[in-house]
Amino acid sequence: MIIVMKKGADEADLTAVKKKIIELGYQPHVIYGETRNVVGAVGEEQGKEKLQALLLMLGVENVVPILKPYKLASREVQSQSSEVEIIPGLCFGGKEFIVAAGPCAVEGREQICDTAVAVKKSGARLLRGGAYKPRTSPYSFQGMEEDGLKLLAEARDMTGLPIVTEVVNPRDVDLVAKYADVMQVGARNTQNFALLKMLGQLDKPILLKRGMSTTIQEFLMSAEYVLSEGNRRVILCERGIRTFETATRNTLDISAVPVLKQQTHLPVIIDPSHATGHASLIAPMSYAAAAAGADGLIVEVHPCPEKAASDGPQSLKFDDFQVMMDKLRAFVQVADREMA
């Protein structure tokens, strides 16, 4: 249910409503608006009619059922688009189109530091890099783990770029959170609900990738797991879905961008590298993402893709990334966005 507070309702009224919601066995989530506040009451569907009693409380204007199964992610609860702040002055979901770039995996100090300098020069606002790598084969490179996190932190100190890196296992959440500015949930963990719940208890941005066989509703329900634990700083990432097509690694569902924008207030970005699997396709899919209304990109860039420990074929070289970023600005401008 959504409890709509009256315009001018004071903090005491809001506190009383929150207390009553808890007494009724539900969890209150306040969304503060410019003219009035609303409170989402989240919990068991059965028996939610008892929340209608809140209509009798001071400061309450209306009690409205939430029709979507994802409550807090829905535009029914919050019609205004959310902005997720990474660091002061850097937000996903605002006017600026944000690009995160870097290698699939951290392989060494020179590799990650050189990449950080190069992508920042080209206009990237975040550095991406995997310290933990969930791989299909147990014999593939699994990442440098904490040593990789330390190298990412070193590259951040050198360039000032916030870092986004993947957390794979619930037991590693606290360790990764110690280093990362943005915690990434990969496609294979989209429905790892134990992990999502733990991330929901952090005060850190969560970049949630869509599973390769996940529907839009299932994707938003995964976001709901994080939101329901209290963490509102969720960024959605479309990274391609599995279809019968073999010409590309996955099939980029570019229509997911406007669909998600209609369904949820959360920011939406695109990963054209995992979506296509081919470096030559990254630029056109990045332009399409900007035109479709995405809030940004996460792109794989490597100093020497042919020697990369993982995902070399879908990684851009420094010069190619620079060319793409230069051309991308025109598409971003047409979409009424800005790039720094």
Protein backbone atom coordinates (compact mmCIF):
# COMPACT_ATOMS: atom_id res chain seq x y z
CA MET A 1 0.00 0.00 0.00
CA ILE A 2 0.99 3.63 -0.52
CA ILE A 3 0.06 6.04 2.23
CA VAL A 4 -0.14 9.54 0.76
CA MET A 5 0.43 12.25 3.34
CA LYS A 6 -1.41 15.55 3.15
CA LYS A 7 0.40 18.62 1.94
CA GLY A 8 1.75 20.29 5.06
CA ALA A 9 1.61 17.18 7.25
CA ASP A 10 4.31 17.53 9.88
CA GLU A 11 7.04 15.16 11.07
CA ALA A 12 4.97 14.06 14.06
CA ASP A 13 2.17 12.90 11.73
CA LEU A 14 4.68 11.01 9.59
CA THR A 15 6.29 9.37 12.63
CA ALA A 16 2.90 8.24 13.92
CA VAL A 17 2.02 6.70 10.56
CA LYS A 18 5.34 4.84 10.40
CA LYS A 19 4.82 3.52 13.93
CA LYS A 20 1.32 2.28 13.07
CA ILE A 21 2.56 0.56 9.91
CA ILE A 22 5.11 -1.36 11.98
CA GLU A 23 2.44 -2.30 14.53
CA LEU A 24 0.37 -3.76 11.70
CA GLY A 25 3.28 -5.98 10.67
CA TYR A 26 4.59 -4.02 7.68
CA GLN A 27 7.81 -2.14 6.90
CA PRO A 28 7.52 1.62 6.20
CA HIS A 29 9.59 3.21 3.43
CA VAL A 30 9.32 6.99 3.19
CA ILE A 31 9.68 8.80 -0.13
CA TYR A 32 10.12 12.51 0.46
CA GLY A 33 8.56 14.77 -2.19
CA GLU A 34 8.70 18.48 -2.87
CA THR A 35 5.09 19.14 -1.85
CA ARG A 36 4.11 16.00 0.09
CA ASN A 37 5.56 12.73 1.32
CA VAL A 38 4.37 9.19 0.69
CA VAL A 39 5.02 6.05 2.69
CA GLY A 40 5.24 2.62 1.13
CA ALA A 41 3.99 -0.12 3.48
CA VAL A 42 5.72 -3.31 2.35
CA GLY A 43 5.04 -6.84 3.61
CA GLU A 44 2.75 -9.80 3.18
CA GLU A 45 0.00 -9.37 0.58
CA GLN A 46 -2.51 -11.29 2.67
CA GLY A 47 -4.33 -9.05 5.11
CA LYS A 48 -3.09 -5.78 3.65
CA GLU A 49 -6.66 -4.41 3.81
CA LYS A 50 -6.04 -3.58 7.46
CA LEU A 51 -3.78 -0.77 6.28
CA GLN A 52 -6.90 1.10 5.15
CA ALA A 53 -7.33 2.05 8.82
CA LEU A 54 -4.48 4.53 8.31
CA LEU A 55 -6.98 6.78 6.54
CA LEU A 56 -8.25 7.80 9.97
CA MET A 57 -4.87 9.11 11.12
CA LEU A 58 -3.85 12.78 11.22
CA GLY A 59 -1.97 13.93 8.14
CA VAL A 60 -3.06 11.03 5.90
CA GLU A 61 -4.74 11.99 2.63
CA ASN A 62 -5.17 8.60 0.97
CA VAL A 63 -4.23 4.91 1.10
CA VAL A 64 -3.71 3.39 -2.35
CA PRO A 65 -2.97 -0.26 -3.26
CA ILE A 66 0.24 -0.90 -5.18
CA LEU A 67 -0.66 -3.06 -8.17
CA LYS A 68 2.86 -4.02 -9.26
CA PRO A 69 4.53 -6.98 -7.51
CA TYR A 70 7.67 -4.85 -7.20
CA LYS A 71 6.54 -2.18 -4.77
CA LEU A 72 9.47 0.11 -4.01
CA ALA A 73 10.93 -0.06 -7.52
CA SER A 74 7.62 0.92 -9.09
CA ARG A 75 6.64 4.34 -10.38
CA GLU A 76 3.36 3.80 -8.52
CA VAL A 77 5.29 4.52 -5.34
CA GLN A 78 7.65 7.12 -6.78
CA SER A 79 6.75 8.82 -10.04
CA GLN A 80 9.86 11.01 -10.15
CA SER A 81 13.03 9.39 -11.51
CA SER A 82 15.64 8.60 -8.88
CA GLU A 83 19.19 9.91 -8.93
CA VAL A 84 21.80 7.63 -7.40
CA GLU A 85 24.80 9.53 -6.11
CA ILE A 86 28.17 7.82 -6.38
CA ILE A 87 30.29 10.65 -4.99
CA PRO A 88 29.36 14.33 -4.63
CA GLY A 89 28.74 15.75 -8.10
CA LEU A 90 28.40 12.35 -9.81
CA CYS A 91 24.90 10.84 -10.11
CA PHE A 92 23.29 8.21 -12.29
CA GLY A 93 19.81 9.22 -13.37
CA GLY A 94 20.40 12.95 -13.57
CA LYS A 95 21.11 15.18 -16.55
CA GLU A 96 24.56 13.74 -17.14
CA PHE A 97 25.16 10.58 -19.20
CA ILE A 98 27.72 8.59 -17.19
CA VAL A 99 30.26 6.16 -18.63
CA ALA A 100 32.14 3.57 -16.55
CA ALA A 101 35.05 1.90 -18.31
CA GLY A 102 37.90 -0.49 -17.62
CA PRO A 103 39.03 -4.09 -18.05
CA CYS A 104 36.92 -7.17 -17.43
CA ALA A 105 39.49 -8.33 -14.87
CA VAL A 106 42.27 -6.68 -12.92
CA GLU A 107 45.48 -8.40 -14.04
CA GLY A 108 48.22 -6.22 -12.58
CA ARG A 109 49.24 -2.74 -11.43
CA GLU A 110 50.43 -1.45 -14.81
CA GLN A 111 47.37 -2.76 -16.63
CA ILE A 112 44.77 -1.24 -14.30
CA CYS A 113 46.59 2.04 -13.65
CA ASP A 114 47.31 2.67 -17.35
CA THR A 115 43.67 1.89 -18.16
CA ALA A 116 42.40 4.23 -15.45
CA VAL A 117 44.48 7.12 -16.80
CA ALA A 118 43.38 6.42 -20.40
CA VAL A 119 39.64 6.09 -19.77
CA LYS A 120 39.59 9.20 -17.58
CA LYS A 121 41.30 11.15 -20.35
CA SER A 122 38.58 9.99 -22.77
CA GLY A 123 35.75 11.10 -20.47
CA ALA A 124 34.86 8.06 -18.35
CA ARG A 125 33.61 9.00 -14.87
CA LEU A 126 34.11 5.60 -13.18
CA LEU A 127 36.67 2.82 -13.41
CA ARG A 128 35.33 -0.71 -13.75
CA GLY A 129 37.39 -3.83 -13.09
CA GLY A 130 36.78 -7.31 -11.77
CA ALA A 131 38.73 -8.62 -8.78
CA TYR A 132 36.42 -11.63 -8.43
CA LYS A 133 35.37 -13.29 -11.68
CA PRO A 134 32.53 -15.85 -11.84
CA ARG A 135 33.53 -17.95 -14.86
CA THR A 136 31.67 -20.70 -16.67
CA SER A 137 34.73 -22.94 -16.49
CA PRO A 138 36.40 -23.68 -13.13
CA TYR A 139 39.73 -23.71 -15.00
CA SER A 140 39.42 -20.11 -16.25
CA PHE A 141 41.03 -17.10 -14.54
CA GLN A 142 38.99 -16.36 -11.41
CA GLY A 143 40.45 -12.96 -10.55
CA MET A 144 43.08 -11.55 -8.18
CA GLU A 145 40.58 -11.20 -5.31
CA GLU A 146 41.73 -8.82 -2.54
CA ASP A 147 45.00 -8.06 -4.32
CA GLY A 148 42.89 -6.90 -7.26
CA LEU A 149 40.77 -4.73 -4.98
CA LYS A 150 43.92 -3.09 -3.63
CA LEU A 151 45.10 -2.32 -7.17
CA LEU A 152 41.71 -0.82 -8.01
CA ALA A 153 41.99 1.41 -4.94
CA GLU A 154 45.47 2.43 -6.05
CA ALA A 155 44.17 3.37 -9.50
CA ARG A 156 41.38 5.38 -7.83
CA ASP A 157 43.92 7.26 -5.72
CA MET A 158 45.92 8.01 -8.86
CA THR A 159 43.03 9.28 -11.02
CA GLY A 160 40.18 10.18 -8.67
CA LEU A 161 37.83 7.80 -10.53
CA PRO A 162 35.38 5.93 -8.27
CA ILE A 163 35.55 2.17 -8.80
CA VAL A 164 32.80 -0.31 -9.62
CA THR A 165 33.61 -3.97 -9.05
CA GLU A 166 31.65 -7.18 -8.75
CA VAL A 167 30.86 -9.05 -5.56
CA VAL A 168 30.25 -12.73 -6.21
CA ASN A 169 29.82 -14.37 -2.82
CA PRO A 170 27.83 -13.16 0.22
CA ARG A 171 30.83 -13.90 2.43
CA ASP A 172 32.88 -11.32 0.48
CA VAL A 173 30.40 -8.44 0.79
CA ASP A 174 32.15 -6.68 3.68
CA LEU A 175 35.59 -7.06 2.09
CA VAL A 176 34.52 -5.72 -1.32
CA ALA A 177 32.56 -2.90 0.34
CA LYS A 178 35.76 -1.77 2.06
CA TYR A 179 37.29 -0.94 -1.33
CA ALA A 180 34.45 -0.39 -3.82
CA ASP A 181 32.46 2.78 -4.48
CA VAL A 182 29.82 0.79 -6.40
CA MET A 183 29.03 -2.88 -5.75
CA GLN A 184 28.20 -4.77 -8.94
CA VAL A 185 25.92 -7.81 -9.05
CA GLY A 186 26.61 -9.85 -12.17
CA ALA A 187 24.11 -11.62 -14.42
CA ARG A 188 24.75 -14.98 -12.77
CA ASN A 189 23.82 -13.55 -9.37
CA THR A 190 20.73 -11.58 -10.35
CA GLN A 191 18.57 -13.98 -8.35
CA ASN A 192 21.05 -14.73 -5.58
CA PHE A 193 18.59 -13.46 -2.99
CA ALA A 194 20.89 -14.02 -0.01
CA LEU A 195 23.47 -11.76 -1.67
CA LEU A 196 20.86 -9.16 -2.64
CA LYS A 197 19.55 -8.97 0.93
CA MET A 198 23.05 -8.38 2.28
CA LEU A 199 23.68 -5.63 -0.26
CA GLY A 200 20.37 -4.07 0.71
CA GLN A 201 21.77 -3.47 4.18
CA LEU A 202 24.72 -1.44 2.88
CA ASP A 203 24.87 2.30 2.31
CA LYS A 204 26.53 1.86 -1.08
CA PRO A 205 25.30 2.10 -4.67
CA ILE A 206 24.43 -1.29 -6.18
CA LEU A 207 24.80 -1.86 -9.92
CA LEU A 208 22.42 -4.74 -10.65
CA LYS A 209 22.84 -6.53 -13.96
CA ARG A 210 19.97 -8.32 -15.64
CA GLY A 211 20.22 -12.10 -15.76
CA MET A 212 20.72 -13.62 -19.17
CA SER A 213 17.30 -15.36 -18.99
CA THR A 214 15.54 -12.91 -16.67
CA THR A 215 12.28 -11.18 -17.57
CA ILE A 216 11.80 -7.47 -16.87
CA GLN A 217 9.49 -8.30 -13.96
CA GLU A 218 11.97 -10.79 -12.48
CA PHE A 219 14.73 -8.20 -12.89
CA LEU A 220 12.74 -5.59 -10.99
CA MET A 221 11.85 -8.11 -8.30
CA SER A 222 15.59 -8.64 -7.79
CA ALA A 223 15.99 -4.88 -7.37
CA GLU A 224 13.12 -5.05 -4.89
CA TYR A 225 15.14 -7.38 -2.67
CA VAL A 226 17.80 -4.67 -2.29
CA LEU A 227 15.29 -1.84 -1.88
CA SER A 228 13.21 -3.71 0.69
CA GLU A 229 16.24 -3.99 2.97
CA GLY A 230 16.59 -0.20 3.02
CA ASN A 231 19.16 0.53 0.31
CA ARG A 232 17.57 2.86 -2.27
CA ARG A 233 20.77 3.34 -4.30
CA VAL A 234 20.16 0.81 -7.08
CA ILE A 235 21.25 1.19 -10.70
CA LEU A 236 19.85 -1.26 -13.26
CA CYS A 237 22.03 -2.59 -16.07
CA GLU A 238 20.78 -4.28 -19.25
CA ARG A 239 23.63 -6.53 -20.47
CA GLY A 240 21.96 -8.68 -23.09
CA ILE A 241 19.80 -11.77 -22.83
CA ARG A 242 20.19 -15.31 -24.13
CA THR A 243 18.33 -16.01 -27.38
CA PHE A 244 18.75 -18.44 -30.29
CA GLU A 245 21.06 -15.96 -32.08
CA THR A 246 24.74 -16.96 -32.25
CA ALA A 247 26.20 -13.99 -34.19
CA THR A 248 26.59 -12.12 -30.90
CA ARG A 249 27.48 -13.32 -27.40
CA ASN A 250 24.03 -12.28 -26.16
CA THR A 251 21.17 -10.26 -27.65
CA LEU A 252 21.06 -6.66 -26.45
CA ASP A 253 17.46 -5.92 -25.48
CA ILE A 254 17.59 -2.21 -26.27
CA SER A 255 13.81 -2.01 -25.80
CA ALA A 256 14.39 -2.84 -22.13
CA VAL A 257 15.57 0.75 -21.61
CA PRO A 258 12.27 2.52 -22.40
CA VAL A 259 10.28 -0.35 -20.85
CA LEU A 260 12.20 -0.06 -17.58
CA LYS A 261 11.92 3.73 -17.69
CA GLN A 262 8.13 3.33 -17.83
CA GLN A 263 8.00 0.76 -15.04
CA THR A 264 10.57 2.01 -12.53
CA HIS A 265 12.10 5.22 -11.20
CA LEU A 266 15.56 3.60 -10.94
CA PRO A 267 18.41 4.63 -13.30
CA VAL A 268 19.08 2.31 -16.25
CA ILE A 269 22.40 1.78 -18.01
CA ILE A 270 23.67 -0.53 -20.78
CA ASP A 271 26.62 -2.93 -20.95
CA PRO A 272 27.32 -3.21 -24.70
CA SER A 273 30.45 -5.34 -24.15
CA HIS A 274 28.74 -8.38 -22.60
CA ALA A 275 25.67 -7.82 -24.77
CA THR A 276 27.55 -8.23 -28.05
CA GLY A 277 30.83 -9.97 -27.27
CA HIS A 278 32.55 -8.16 -30.15
CA ALA A 279 34.59 -4.96 -29.85
CA SER A 280 33.40 -3.77 -33.28
CA LEU A 281 29.77 -3.71 -32.06
CA ILE A 282 30.31 -1.78 -28.84
CA ALA A 283 30.24 1.71 -30.35
CA PRO A 284 26.98 1.35 -32.36
CA MET A 285 25.23 -0.25 -29.37
CA SER A 286 26.49 2.55 -27.13
CA TYR A 287 25.01 5.14 -29.50
CA ALA A 288 21.74 3.20 -29.52
CA ALA A 289 21.71 3.15 -25.71
CA ALA A 290 22.00 6.93 -25.56
CA ALA A 291 19.25 7.34 -28.16
CA ALA A 292 16.96 4.93 -26.26
CA GLY A 293 17.19 7.03 -23.10
CA ALA A 294 19.73 5.13 -21.01
CA ASP A 295 21.44 6.95 -18.16
CA GLY A 296 24.90 5.65 -18.99
CA LEU A 297 27.17 2.79 -20.04
CA ILE A 298 29.61 0.31 -18.55
CA VAL A 299 32.22 -0.59 -21.18
CA GLU A 300 35.20 -2.93 -21.21
CA VAL A 301 38.50 -1.30 -22.16
CA HIS A 302 41.93 -2.99 -22.09
CA PRO A 303 45.45 -1.81 -23.07
CA CYS A 304 46.08 -5.03 -25.00
CA PRO A 305 42.85 -7.01 -25.58
CA GLU A 306 44.60 -9.83 -27.42
CA LYS A 307 46.51 -10.62 -24.21
CA ALA A 308 43.59 -10.13 -21.79
CA ALA A 309 43.03 -12.84 -19.18
CA SER A 310 39.29 -12.68 -19.86
CA ASP A 311 36.89 -11.21 -22.43
CA GLY A 312 39.55 -9.77 -24.73
CA PRO A 313 37.39 -9.98 -27.89
CA GLN A 314 34.78 -7.65 -26.34
CA SER A 315 37.24 -5.06 -25.01
CA LEU A 316 38.09 -1.78 -26.72
CA LYS A 317 41.63 -0.51 -27.12
CA PHE A 318 42.39 2.94 -25.72
CA ASP A 319 42.30 4.69 -29.12
CA ASP A 320 39.03 3.02 -30.11
CA PHE A 321 37.45 4.02 -26.80
CA GLN A 322 38.50 7.62 -27.40
CA VAL A 323 36.92 7.61 -30.87
CA MET A 324 33.71 6.12 -29.49
CA MET A 325 33.48 8.68 -26.69
CA ASP A 326 33.99 11.55 -29.13
CA LYS A 327 31.14 10.33 -31.36
CA LEU A 328 28.93 9.40 -28.42
CA ARG A 329 28.64 13.03 -27.36
CA ALA A 330 26.48 13.85 -30.39
CA PHE A 331 23.98 11.09 -29.56
CA VAL A 332 23.90 12.12 -25.90
CA GLN A 333 23.19 15.70 -26.89
CA VAL A 334 20.32 14.66 -29.19
CA ALA A 335 18.86 12.72 -26.25
CA ASP A 336 18.91 15.98 -24.25
CA ARG A 337 21.63 14.78 -21.92
CA GLU A 338 25.15 15.99 -21.15
CA MET A 339 28.61 14.48 -20.92
CA ALA A 340 31.38 15.99 -18.79
